[in-house]
Amino acid sequence: GSITIHVDNIIVTAVRSENGMVRVNNCCSHLLISLSHGKFRIYQKG
């Protein structure tokens, strides 16, 4: 149904069928995202 990744104080959730979108700390965002000074990146691959 969804996958949630916790990294330090950041919570990223990707919900089934919300293609191209993720929720970062409960705020919907389009990809490409770079967090923690580039140590944590989220992008679309295919």
All heavy atoms as atom14 arrays in JSON, in Angstrom:
{
  "sequence": "GSITIHVDNIIVTAVRSENGMVRVNNCCSHLLISLSHGKFRIYQKG",
  "atom14_mask": [
    [1, 1, 1, 1, 0, 0, 0, 0, 0, 0, 0, 0, 0, 0],
    [1, 1, 1, 1, 1, 1, 0, 0, 0, 0, 0, 0, 0, 0],
    [1, 1, 1, 1, 1, 1, 1, 1, 0, 0, 0, 0, 0, 0],
    [1, 1, 1, 1, 1, 1, 1, 0, 0, 0, 0, 0, 0, 0],
    [1, 1, 1, 1, 1, 1, 1, 1, 0, 0, 0, 0, 0, 0],
    [1, 1, 1, 1, 1, 1, 1, 1, 1, 1, 0, 0, 0, 0],
    [1, 1, 1, 1, 1, 1, 1, 0, 0, 0, 0, 0, 0, 0],
    [1, 1, 1, 1, 1, 1, 1, 1, 0, 0, 0, 0, 0, 0],
    [1, 1, 1, 1, 1, 1, 1, 1, 0, 0, 0, 0, 0, 0],
    [1, 1, 1, 1, 1, 1, 1, 1, 0, 0, 0, 0, 0, 0],
    [1, 1, 1, 1, 1, 1, 1, 1, 0, 0, 0, 0, 0, 0],
    [1, 1, 1, 1, 1, 1, 1, 0, 0, 0, 0, 0, 0, 0],
    [1, 1, 1, 1, 1, 1, 1, 0, 0, 0, 0, 0, 0, 0],
    [1, 1, 1, 1, 1, 0, 0, 0, 0, 0, 0, 0, 0, 0],
    [1, 1, 1, 1, 1, 1, 1, 0, 0, 0, 0, 0, 0, 0],
    [1, 1, 1, 1, 1, 1, 1, 1, 1, 1, 1, 0, 0, 0],
    [1, 1, 1, 1, 1, 1, 0, 0, 0, 0, 0, 0, 0, 0],
    [1, 1, 1, 1, 1, 1, 1, 1, 1, 0, 0, 0, 0, 0],
    [1, 1, 1, 1, 1, 1, 1, 1, 0, 0, 0, 0, 0, 0],
    [1, 1, 1, 1, 0, 0, 0, 0, 0, 0, 0, 0, 0, 0],
    [1, 1, 1, 1, 1, 1, 1, 1, 0, 0, 0, 0, 0, 0],
    [1, 1, 1, 1, 1, 1, 1, 0, 0, 0, 0, 0, 0, 0],
    [1, 1, 1, 1, 1, 1, 1, 1, 1, 1, 1, 0, 0, 0],
    [1, 1, 1, 1, 1, 1, 1, 0, 0, 0, 0, 0, 0, 0],
    [1, 1, 1, 1, 1, 1, 1, 1, 0, 0, 0, 0, 0, 0],
    [1, 1, 1, 1, 1, 1, 1, 1, 0, 0, 0, 0, 0, 0],
    [1, 1, 1, 1, 1, 1, 0, 0, 0, 0, 0, 0, 0, 0],
    [1, 1, 1, 1, 1, 1, 0, 0, 0, 0, 0, 0, 0, 0],
    [1, 1, 1, 1, 1, 1, 0, 0, 0, 0, 0, 0, 0, 0],
    [1, 1, 1, 1, 1, 1, 1, 1, 1, 1, 0, 0, 0, 0],
    [1, 1, 1, 1, 1, 1, 1, 1, 0, 0, 0, 0, 0, 0],
    [1, 1, 1, 1, 1, 1, 1, 1, 0, 0, 0, 0, 0, 0],
    [1, 1, 1, 1, 1, 1, 1, 1, 0, 0, 0, 0, 0, 0],
    [1, 1, 1, 1, 1, 1, 0, 0, 0, 0, 0, 0, 0, 0],
    [1, 1, 1, 1, 1, 1, 1, 1, 0, 0, 0, 0, 0, 0],
    [1, 1, 1, 1, 1, 1, 0, 0, 0, 0, 0, 0, 0, 0],
    [1, 1, 1, 1, 1, 1, 1, 1, 1, 1, 0, 0, 0, 0],
    [1, 1, 1, 1, 0, 0, 0, 0, 0, 0, 0, 0, 0, 0],
    [1, 1, 1, 1, 1, 1, 1, 1, 1, 0, 0, 0, 0, 0],
    [1, 1, 1, 1, 1, 1, 1, 1, 1, 1, 1, 0, 0, 0],
    [1, 1, 1, 1, 1, 1, 1, 1, 1, 1, 1, 0, 0, 0],
    [1, 1, 1, 1, 1, 1, 1, 1, 0, 0, 0, 0, 0, 0],
    [1, 1, 1, 1, 1, 1, 1, 1, 1, 1, 1, 1, 0, 0],
    [1, 1, 1, 1, 1, 1, 1, 1, 1, 0, 0, 0, 0, 0],
    [1, 1, 1, 1, 1, 1, 1, 1, 1, 0, 0, 0, 0, 0],
    [1, 1, 1, 1, 0, 0, 0, 0, 0, 0, 0, 0, 0, 0]
  ],
  "atom14_positions": [
    [[0.83, -1.21, 0.0], [0.0, 0.0, 0.0], [0.86, 1.25, 0.0], [0.55, 2.23, -0.67], [0.0, 0.0, 0.0], [0.0, 0.0, 0.0], [0.0, 0.0, 0.0], [0.0, 0.0, 0.0], [0.0, 0.0, 0.0], [0.0, 0.0, 0.0], [0.0, 0.0, 0.0], [0.0, 0.0, 0.0], [0.0, 0.0, 0.0], [0.0, 0.0, 0.0]],
    [[1.98, 1.2, 0.74], [2.91, 2.33, 0.78], [4.23, 1.86, 1.37], [4.32, 0.81, 1.99], [2.34, 3.48, 1.62], [2.18, 3.08, 2.98], [0.0, 0.0, 0.0], [0.0, 0.0, 0.0], [0.0, 0.0, 0.0], [0.0, 0.0, 0.0], [0.0, 0.0, 0.0], [0.0, 0.0, 0.0], [0.0, 0.0, 0.0], [0.0, 0.0, 0.0]],
    [[5.25, 2.67, 1.15], [6.56, 2.46, 1.74], [6.96, 3.75, 2.43], [6.72, 4.83, 1.91], [7.6, 2.03, 0.68], [8.98, 1.83, 1.3], [7.64, 2.98, -0.48], [10.01, 1.24, 0.34], [0.0, 0.0, 0.0], [0.0, 0.0, 0.0], [0.0, 0.0, 0.0], [0.0, 0.0, 0.0], [0.0, 0.0, 0.0], [0.0, 0.0, 0.0]],
    [[7.52, 3.62, 3.64], [7.94, 4.79, 4.4], [9.39, 4.62, 4.81], [9.77, 3.58, 5.34], [7.06, 4.98, 5.65], [5.71, 5.15, 5.23], [7.49, 6.19, 6.46], [0.0, 0.0, 0.0], [0.0, 0.0, 0.0], [0.0, 0.0, 0.0], [0.0, 0.0, 0.0], [0.0, 0.0, 0.0], [0.0, 0.0, 0.0], [0.0, 0.0, 0.0]],
    [[10.18, 5.65, 4.54], [11.6, 5.65, 4.88], [11.83, 6.75, 5.9], [11.44, 7.9, 5.7], [12.47, 5.9, 3.62], [12.25, 4.79, 2.6], [13.94, 5.98, 3.99], [11.22, 5.07, 1.59], [0.0, 0.0, 0.0], [0.0, 0.0, 0.0], [0.0, 0.0, 0.0], [0.0, 0.0, 0.0], [0.0, 0.0, 0.0], [0.0, 0.0, 0.0]],
    [[12.42, 6.37, 7.03], [12.78, 7.33, 8.07], [14.29, 7.52, 8.0], [15.04, 6.54, 8.08], [12.43, 6.79, 9.46], [10.98, 6.54, 9.67], [10.17, 7.41, 10.34], [10.18, 5.51, 9.28], [8.94, 6.93, 10.37], [8.92, 5.78, 9.73], [0.0, 0.0, 0.0], [0.0, 0.0, 0.0], [0.0, 0.0, 0.0], [0.0, 0.0, 0.0]],
    [[14.74, 8.76, 7.84], [16.17, 9.08, 7.83], [16.35, 10.3, 8.71], [15.83, 11.37, 8.41], [16.69, 9.39, 6.41], [18.17, 9.76, 6.45], [16.47, 8.22, 5.49], [0.0, 0.0, 0.0], [0.0, 0.0, 0.0], [0.0, 0.0, 0.0], [0.0, 0.0, 0.0], [0.0, 0.0, 0.0], [0.0, 0.0, 0.0], [0.0, 0.0, 0.0]],
    [[17.08, 10.11, 9.82], [17.23, 11.18, 10.81], [15.83, 11.71, 11.15], [14.99, 10.96, 11.58], [18.18, 12.26, 10.32], [19.64, 11.77, 10.33], [19.94, 10.8, 11.06], [20.46, 12.35, 9.62], [0.0, 0.0, 0.0], [0.0, 0.0, 0.0], [0.0, 0.0, 0.0], [0.0, 0.0, 0.0], [0.0, 0.0, 0.0], [0.0, 0.0, 0.0]],
    [[15.56, 12.99, 10.92], [14.25, 13.56, 11.25], [13.36, 13.72, 10.03], [12.39, 14.48, 10.06], [14.42, 14.94, 11.93], [15.1, 14.8, 13.27], [14.85, 13.84, 14.0], [15.94, 15.75, 13.61], [0.0, 0.0, 0.0], [0.0, 0.0, 0.0], [0.0, 0.0, 0.0], [0.0, 0.0, 0.0], [0.0, 0.0, 0.0], [0.0, 0.0, 0.0]],
    [[13.67, 13.01, 8.97], [12.91, 13.11, 7.72], [12.12, 11.83, 7.52], [12.63, 10.73, 7.69], [13.86, 13.32, 6.52], [14.69, 14.59, 6.72], [13.09, 13.38, 5.21], [15.85, 14.72, 5.76], [0.0, 0.0, 0.0], [0.0, 0.0, 0.0], [0.0, 0.0, 0.0], [0.0, 0.0, 0.0], [0.0, 0.0, 0.0], [0.0, 0.0, 0.0]],
    [[10.84, 12.0, 7.15], [9.98, 10.85, 6.85], [9.49, 11.0, 5.42], [8.86, 12.0, 5.07], [8.77, 10.79, 7.81], [9.24, 10.67, 9.26], [7.86, 9.62, 7.43], [8.14, 10.83, 10.28], [0.0, 0.0, 0.0], [0.0, 0.0, 0.0], [0.0, 0.0, 0.0], [0.0, 0.0, 0.0], [0.0, 0.0, 0.0], [0.0, 0.0, 0.0]],
    [[9.82, 10.0, 4.59], [9.39, 10.0, 3.19], [8.45, 8.83, 3.0], [8.79, 7.7, 3.34], [10.61, 9.87, 2.24], [10.14, 9.74, 0.8], [11.54, 11.05, 2.4], [0.0, 0.0, 0.0], [0.0, 0.0, 0.0], [0.0, 0.0, 0.0], [0.0, 0.0, 0.0], [0.0, 0.0, 0.0], [0.0, 0.0, 0.0], [0.0, 0.0, 0.0]],
    [[7.27, 9.12, 2.44], [6.29, 8.07, 2.18], [5.9, 8.11, 0.7], [5.6, 9.18, 0.16], [5.03, 8.26, 3.04], [5.41, 8.23, 4.42], [4.01, 7.16, 2.78], [0.0, 0.0, 0.0], [0.0, 0.0, 0.0], [0.0, 0.0, 0.0], [0.0, 0.0, 0.0], [0.0, 0.0, 0.0], [0.0, 0.0, 0.0], [0.0, 0.0, 0.0]],
    [[5.93, 6.95, 0.07], [5.45, 6.81, -1.3], [4.24, 5.88, -1.24], [4.32, 4.78, -0.71], [6.53, 6.22, -2.2], [0.0, 0.0, 0.0], [0.0, 0.0, 0.0], [0.0, 0.0, 0.0], [0.0, 0.0, 0.0], [0.0, 0.0, 0.0], [0.0, 0.0, 0.0], [0.0, 0.0, 0.0], [0.0, 0.0, 0.0], [0.0, 0.0, 0.0]],
    [[3.12, 6.37, -1.77], [1.86, 5.64, -1.71], [1.59, 5.02, -3.07], [1.8, 5.66, -4.11], [0.71, 6.58, -1.3], [-0.62, 5.86, -1.31], [0.99, 7.19, 0.06], [0.0, 0.0, 0.0], [0.0, 0.0, 0.0], [0.0, 0.0, 0.0], [0.0, 0.0, 0.0], [0.0, 0.0, 0.0], [0.0, 0.0, 0.0], [0.0, 0.0, 0.0]],
    [[1.12, 3.79, -3.02], [0.79, 3.06, -4.25], [-0.05, 3.93, -5.18], [-0.98, 4.6, -4.76], [0.0, 1.79, -3.87], [-0.39, 0.95, -5.05], [-1.24, -0.22, -4.54], [-1.6, -1.06, -5.64], [-1.02, -2.23, -5.9], [-0.08, -2.69, -5.12], [-1.41, -2.94, -6.93], [0.0, 0.0, 0.0], [0.0, 0.0, 0.0], [0.0, 0.0, 0.0]],
    [[0.3, 3.94, -6.43], [-0.42, 4.63, -7.5], [-0.27, 6.15, -7.49], [-0.86, 6.81, -8.32], [-1.9, 4.26, -7.53], [-2.02, 2.86, -7.72], [0.0, 0.0, 0.0], [0.0, 0.0, 0.0], [0.0, 0.0, 0.0], [0.0, 0.0, 0.0], [0.0, 0.0, 0.0], [0.0, 0.0, 0.0], [0.0, 0.0, 0.0], [0.0, 0.0, 0.0]],
    [[0.49, 6.74, -6.56], [0.75, 8.19, -6.61], [2.06, 8.4, -7.36], [3.03, 8.94, -6.85], [0.84, 8.79, -5.2], [-0.48, 8.87, -4.5], [-0.4, 9.54, -3.13], [0.69, 9.96, -2.69], [-1.46, 9.65, -2.48], [0.0, 0.0, 0.0], [0.0, 0.0, 0.0], [0.0, 0.0, 0.0], [0.0, 0.0, 0.0], [0.0, 0.0, 0.0]],
    [[2.07, 7.95, -8.62], [3.29, 7.98, -9.44], [3.89, 9.37, -9.53], [3.17, 10.35, -9.74], [2.99, 7.46, -10.85], [2.62, 6.0, -10.85], [2.41, 5.39, -9.8], [2.54, 5.42, -12.03], [0.0, 0.0, 0.0], [0.0, 0.0, 0.0], [0.0, 0.0, 0.0], [0.0, 0.0, 0.0], [0.0, 0.0, 0.0], [0.0, 0.0, 0.0]],
    [[5.2, 9.43, -9.38], [5.92, 10.69, -9.51], [5.84, 11.59, -8.29], [6.39, 12.68, -8.29], [0.0, 0.0, 0.0], [0.0, 0.0, 0.0], [0.0, 0.0, 0.0], [0.0, 0.0, 0.0], [0.0, 0.0, 0.0], [0.0, 0.0, 0.0], [0.0, 0.0, 0.0], [0.0, 0.0, 0.0], [0.0, 0.0, 0.0], [0.0, 0.0, 0.0]],
    [[5.15, 11.12, -7.25], [4.97, 11.93, -6.04], [5.46, 11.18, -4.82], [5.4, 9.95, -4.77], [3.47, 12.23, -5.82], [2.79, 12.99, -6.92], [3.23, 14.71, -6.94], [2.51, 15.26, -5.43], [0.0, 0.0, 0.0], [0.0, 0.0, 0.0], [0.0, 0.0, 0.0], [0.0, 0.0, 0.0], [0.0, 0.0, 0.0], [0.0, 0.0, 0.0]],
    [[5.94, 11.91, -3.83], [6.24, 11.37, -2.51], [5.77, 12.38, -1.49], [5.56, 13.55, -1.8], [7.75, 11.07, -2.29], [8.21, 9.94, -3.19], [8.59, 12.3, -2.47], [0.0, 0.0, 0.0], [0.0, 0.0, 0.0], [0.0, 0.0, 0.0], [0.0, 0.0, 0.0], [0.0, 0.0, 0.0], [0.0, 0.0, 0.0], [0.0, 0.0, 0.0]],
    [[5.61, 11.92, -0.27], [5.26, 12.81, 0.84], [6.49, 12.93, 1.73], [6.97, 11.94, 2.25], [4.09, 12.23, 1.62], [2.85, 12.04, 0.76], [1.76, 11.31, 1.49], [0.67, 11.0, 0.56], [-0.43, 10.37, 0.92], [-0.58, 9.97, 2.17], [-1.37, 10.13, 0.04], [0.0, 0.0, 0.0], [0.0, 0.0, 0.0], [0.0, 0.0, 0.0]],
    [[7.01, 14.15, 1.86], [8.16, 14.4, 2.71], [7.65, 15.14, 3.93], [7.15, 16.25, 3.82], [9.24, 15.24, 1.98], [10.42, 15.51, 2.91], [9.7, 14.52, 0.72], [0.0, 0.0, 0.0], [0.0, 0.0, 0.0], [0.0, 0.0, 0.0], [0.0, 0.0, 0.0], [0.0, 0.0, 0.0], [0.0, 0.0, 0.0], [0.0, 0.0, 0.0]],
    [[7.74, 14.5, 5.1], [7.19, 15.04, 6.34], [5.76, 15.51, 6.13], [5.38, 16.61, 6.53], [8.08, 16.15, 6.89], [9.42, 15.63, 7.34], [9.57, 14.44, 7.67], [10.41, 16.48, 7.36], [0.0, 0.0, 0.0], [0.0, 0.0, 0.0], [0.0, 0.0, 0.0], [0.0, 0.0, 0.0], [0.0, 0.0, 0.0], [0.0, 0.0, 0.0]],
    [[4.95, 14.69, 5.46], [3.52, 14.9, 5.2], [3.21, 15.98, 4.17], [2.06, 16.38, 4.03], [2.74, 15.16, 6.48], [2.26, 13.88, 7.11], [2.12, 12.86, 6.45], [2.02, 13.92, 8.41], [0.0, 0.0, 0.0], [0.0, 0.0, 0.0], [0.0, 0.0, 0.0], [0.0, 0.0, 0.0], [0.0, 0.0, 0.0], [0.0, 0.0, 0.0]],
    [[4.2, 16.48, 3.43], [3.96, 17.44, 2.36], [4.23, 16.76, 1.02], [5.3, 16.2, 0.82], [4.87, 18.66, 2.5], [4.54, 19.64, 3.97], [0.0, 0.0, 0.0], [0.0, 0.0, 0.0], [0.0, 0.0, 0.0], [0.0, 0.0, 0.0], [0.0, 0.0, 0.0], [0.0, 0.0, 0.0], [0.0, 0.0, 0.0], [0.0, 0.0, 0.0]],
    [[3.24, 16.8, 0.13], [3.4, 16.16, -1.18], [4.43, 16.91, -2.01], [4.44, 18.14, -2.04], [2.07, 16.13, -1.94], [0.95, 14.89, -1.27], [0.0, 0.0, 0.0], [0.0, 0.0, 0.0], [0.0, 0.0, 0.0], [0.0, 0.0, 0.0], [0.0, 0.0, 0.0], [0.0, 0.0, 0.0], [0.0, 0.0, 0.0], [0.0, 0.0, 0.0]],
    [[5.29, 16.16, -2.66], [6.36, 16.74, -3.47], [6.53, 15.94, -4.75], [6.37, 14.73, -4.76], [7.69, 16.72, -2.71], [7.62, 17.49, -1.55], [0.0, 0.0, 0.0], [0.0, 0.0, 0.0], [0.0, 0.0, 0.0], [0.0, 0.0, 0.0], [0.0, 0.0, 0.0], [0.0, 0.0, 0.0], [0.0, 0.0, 0.0], [0.0, 0.0, 0.0]],
    [[6.88, 16.66, -5.83], [7.28, 16.0, -7.07], [8.76, 15.66, -6.96], [9.49, 16.27, -6.18], [7.05, 16.93, -8.27], [5.61, 17.17, -8.57], [4.86, 16.28, -9.31], [4.79, 18.19, -8.25], [3.62, 16.76, -9.42], [3.55, 17.91, -8.78], [0.0, 0.0, 0.0], [0.0, 0.0, 0.0], [0.0, 0.0, 0.0], [0.0, 0.0, 0.0]],
    [[9.19, 14.7, -7.74], [10.6, 14.33, -7.75], [11.34, 15.25, -8.71], [10.78, 15.74, -9.65], [10.73, 12.87, -8.18], [9.96, 11.87, -7.32], [10.16, 10.47, -7.83], [10.36, 11.97, -5.87], [0.0, 0.0, 0.0], [0.0, 0.0, 0.0], [0.0, 0.0, 0.0], [0.0, 0.0, 0.0], [0.0, 0.0, 0.0], [0.0, 0.0, 0.0]],
    [[12.45, 15.54, -8.52], [13.7, 15.28, -7.85], [13.75, 16.04, -6.53], [13.46, 17.22, -6.47], [14.86, 15.69, -8.78], [16.25, 15.71, -8.21], [16.84, 14.33, -8.11], [17.14, 16.56, -9.07], [0.0, 0.0, 0.0], [0.0, 0.0, 0.0], [0.0, 0.0, 0.0], [0.0, 0.0, 0.0], [0.0, 0.0, 0.0], [0.0, 0.0, 0.0]],
    [[14.2, 15.33, -5.49], [14.31, 15.92, -4.16], [15.7, 15.6, -3.62], [16.17, 14.48, -3.72], [13.23, 15.35, -3.21], [11.83, 15.65, -3.75], [13.41, 15.89, -1.81], [10.72, 14.92, -3.03], [0.0, 0.0, 0.0], [0.0, 0.0, 0.0], [0.0, 0.0, 0.0], [0.0, 0.0, 0.0], [0.0, 0.0, 0.0], [0.0, 0.0, 0.0]],
    [[16.33, 16.62, -3.04], [17.62, 16.43, -2.4], [17.51, 16.97, -0.98], [17.1, 18.11, -0.77], [18.71, 17.18, -3.18], [19.96, 16.98, -2.58], [0.0, 0.0, 0.0], [0.0, 0.0, 0.0], [0.0, 0.0, 0.0], [0.0, 0.0, 0.0], [0.0, 0.0, 0.0], [0.0, 0.0, 0.0], [0.0, 0.0, 0.0], [0.0, 0.0, 0.0]],
    [[17.85, 16.13, 0.01], [17.72, 16.48, 1.42], [19.05, 16.23, 2.14], [19.93, 15.55, 1.61], [16.61, 15.65, 2.07], [15.24, 15.72, 1.38], [14.37, 14.57, 1.84], [14.57, 17.04, 1.68], [0.0, 0.0, 0.0], [0.0, 0.0, 0.0], [0.0, 0.0, 0.0], [0.0, 0.0, 0.0], [0.0, 0.0, 0.0], [0.0, 0.0, 0.0]],
    [[19.17, 16.71, 3.36], [20.36, 16.51, 4.19], [21.64, 16.85, 3.43], [22.59, 16.07, 3.38], [20.43, 15.07, 4.71], [19.38, 14.82, 5.6], [0.0, 0.0, 0.0], [0.0, 0.0, 0.0], [0.0, 0.0, 0.0], [0.0, 0.0, 0.0], [0.0, 0.0, 0.0], [0.0, 0.0, 0.0], [0.0, 0.0, 0.0], [0.0, 0.0, 0.0]],
    [[21.62, 18.04, 2.81], [22.8, 18.54, 2.09], [23.25, 17.57, 0.99], [24.44, 17.35, 0.79], [23.94, 18.85, 3.04], [23.53, 19.75, 4.18], [23.25, 21.07, 3.99], [23.33, 19.48, 5.49], [22.89, 21.61, 5.15], [22.93, 20.66, 6.07], [0.0, 0.0, 0.0], [0.0, 0.0, 0.0], [0.0, 0.0, 0.0], [0.0, 0.0, 0.0]],
    [[22.29, 16.95, 0.3], [22.58, 16.07, -0.82], [22.89, 14.63, -0.44], [23.1, 13.8, -1.31], [0.0, 0.0, 0.0], [0.0, 0.0, 0.0], [0.0, 0.0, 0.0], [0.0, 0.0, 0.0], [0.0, 0.0, 0.0], [0.0, 0.0, 0.0], [0.0, 0.0, 0.0], [0.0, 0.0, 0.0], [0.0, 0.0, 0.0], [0.0, 0.0, 0.0]],
    [[22.9, 14.31, 0.85], [23.19, 12.94, 1.27], [22.0, 12.01, 1.07], [22.13, 10.8, 1.13], [23.62, 12.9, 2.74], [24.95, 13.55, 2.98], [25.32, 13.46, 4.44], [26.67, 14.1, 4.69], [27.04, 14.07, 6.09], [0.0, 0.0, 0.0], [0.0, 0.0, 0.0], [0.0, 0.0, 0.0], [0.0, 0.0, 0.0], [0.0, 0.0, 0.0]],
    [[20.82, 12.59, 0.86], [19.58, 11.84, 0.74], [18.85, 12.39, -0.49], [18.37, 13.51, -0.47], [18.78, 12.04, 2.02], [17.48, 11.3, 2.12], [17.25, 10.12, 1.45], [16.49, 11.79, 2.94], [16.05, 9.44, 1.58], [15.28, 11.13, 3.09], [15.06, 9.96, 2.41], [0.0, 0.0, 0.0], [0.0, 0.0, 0.0], [0.0, 0.0, 0.0]],
    [[18.8, 11.6, -1.58], [18.2, 12.06, -2.82], [17.09, 11.12, -3.25], [17.18, 9.91, -3.06], [19.24, 12.14, -3.93], [20.32, 13.13, -3.65], [21.41, 13.17, -4.72], [21.28, 12.18, -5.75], [21.46, 12.41, -7.05], [21.79, 13.59, -7.46], [21.34, 11.43, -7.92], [0.0, 0.0, 0.0], [0.0, 0.0, 0.0], [0.0, 0.0, 0.0]],
    [[16.04, 11.7, -3.85], [14.91, 10.91, -4.35], [14.65, 11.39, -5.76], [14.45, 12.59, -5.99], [13.65, 11.13, -3.49], [13.95, 10.94, -2.0], [12.53, 10.21, -3.95], [12.87, 11.48, -1.09], [0.0, 0.0, 0.0], [0.0, 0.0, 0.0], [0.0, 0.0, 0.0], [0.0, 0.0, 0.0], [0.0, 0.0, 0.0], [0.0, 0.0, 0.0]],
    [[14.66, 10.47, -6.7], [14.4, 10.85, -8.08], [13.73, 9.7, -8.82], [13.66, 8.58, -8.3], [15.66, 11.31, -8.8], [16.85, 10.39, -8.7], [17.13, 9.48, -9.7], [17.71, 10.44, -7.6], [18.23, 8.64, -9.62], [18.82, 9.61, -7.52], [19.07, 8.71, -8.54], [20.16, 7.88, -8.45], [0.0, 0.0, 0.0], [0.0, 0.0, 0.0]],
    [[13.22, 10.0, -10.0], [12.54, 8.99, -10.8], [13.56, 8.3, -11.69], [14.42, 8.93, -12.29], [11.44, 9.62, -11.64], [10.55, 8.58, -12.27], [9.12, 9.01, -12.37], [8.73, 10.04, -11.86], [8.32, 8.2, -13.03], [0.0, 0.0, 0.0], [0.0, 0.0, 0.0], [0.0, 0.0, 0.0], [0.0, 0.0, 0.0], [0.0, 0.0, 0.0]],
    [[13.47, 6.98, -11.75], [14.32, 6.17, -12.62], [13.39, 5.25, -13.39], [12.86, 4.29, -12.83], [15.33, 5.37, -11.8], [16.28, 4.58, -12.66], [17.36, 3.92, -11.84], [18.3, 3.19, -12.78], [19.42, 2.61, -12.07], [0.0, 0.0, 0.0], [0.0, 0.0, 0.0], [0.0, 0.0, 0.0], [0.0, 0.0, 0.0], [0.0, 0.0, 0.0]],
    [[13.15, 5.59, -14.65], [12.17, 4.84, -15.44], [10.79, 5.03, -14.83], [10.37, 6.15, -14.54], [0.0, 0.0, 0.0], [0.0, 0.0, 0.0], [0.0, 0.0, 0.0], [0.0, 0.0, 0.0], [0.0, 0.0, 0.0], [0.0, 0.0, 0.0], [0.0, 0.0, 0.0], [0.0, 0.0, 0.0], [0.0, 0.0, 0.0], [0.0, 0.0, 0.0]]
  ]
}
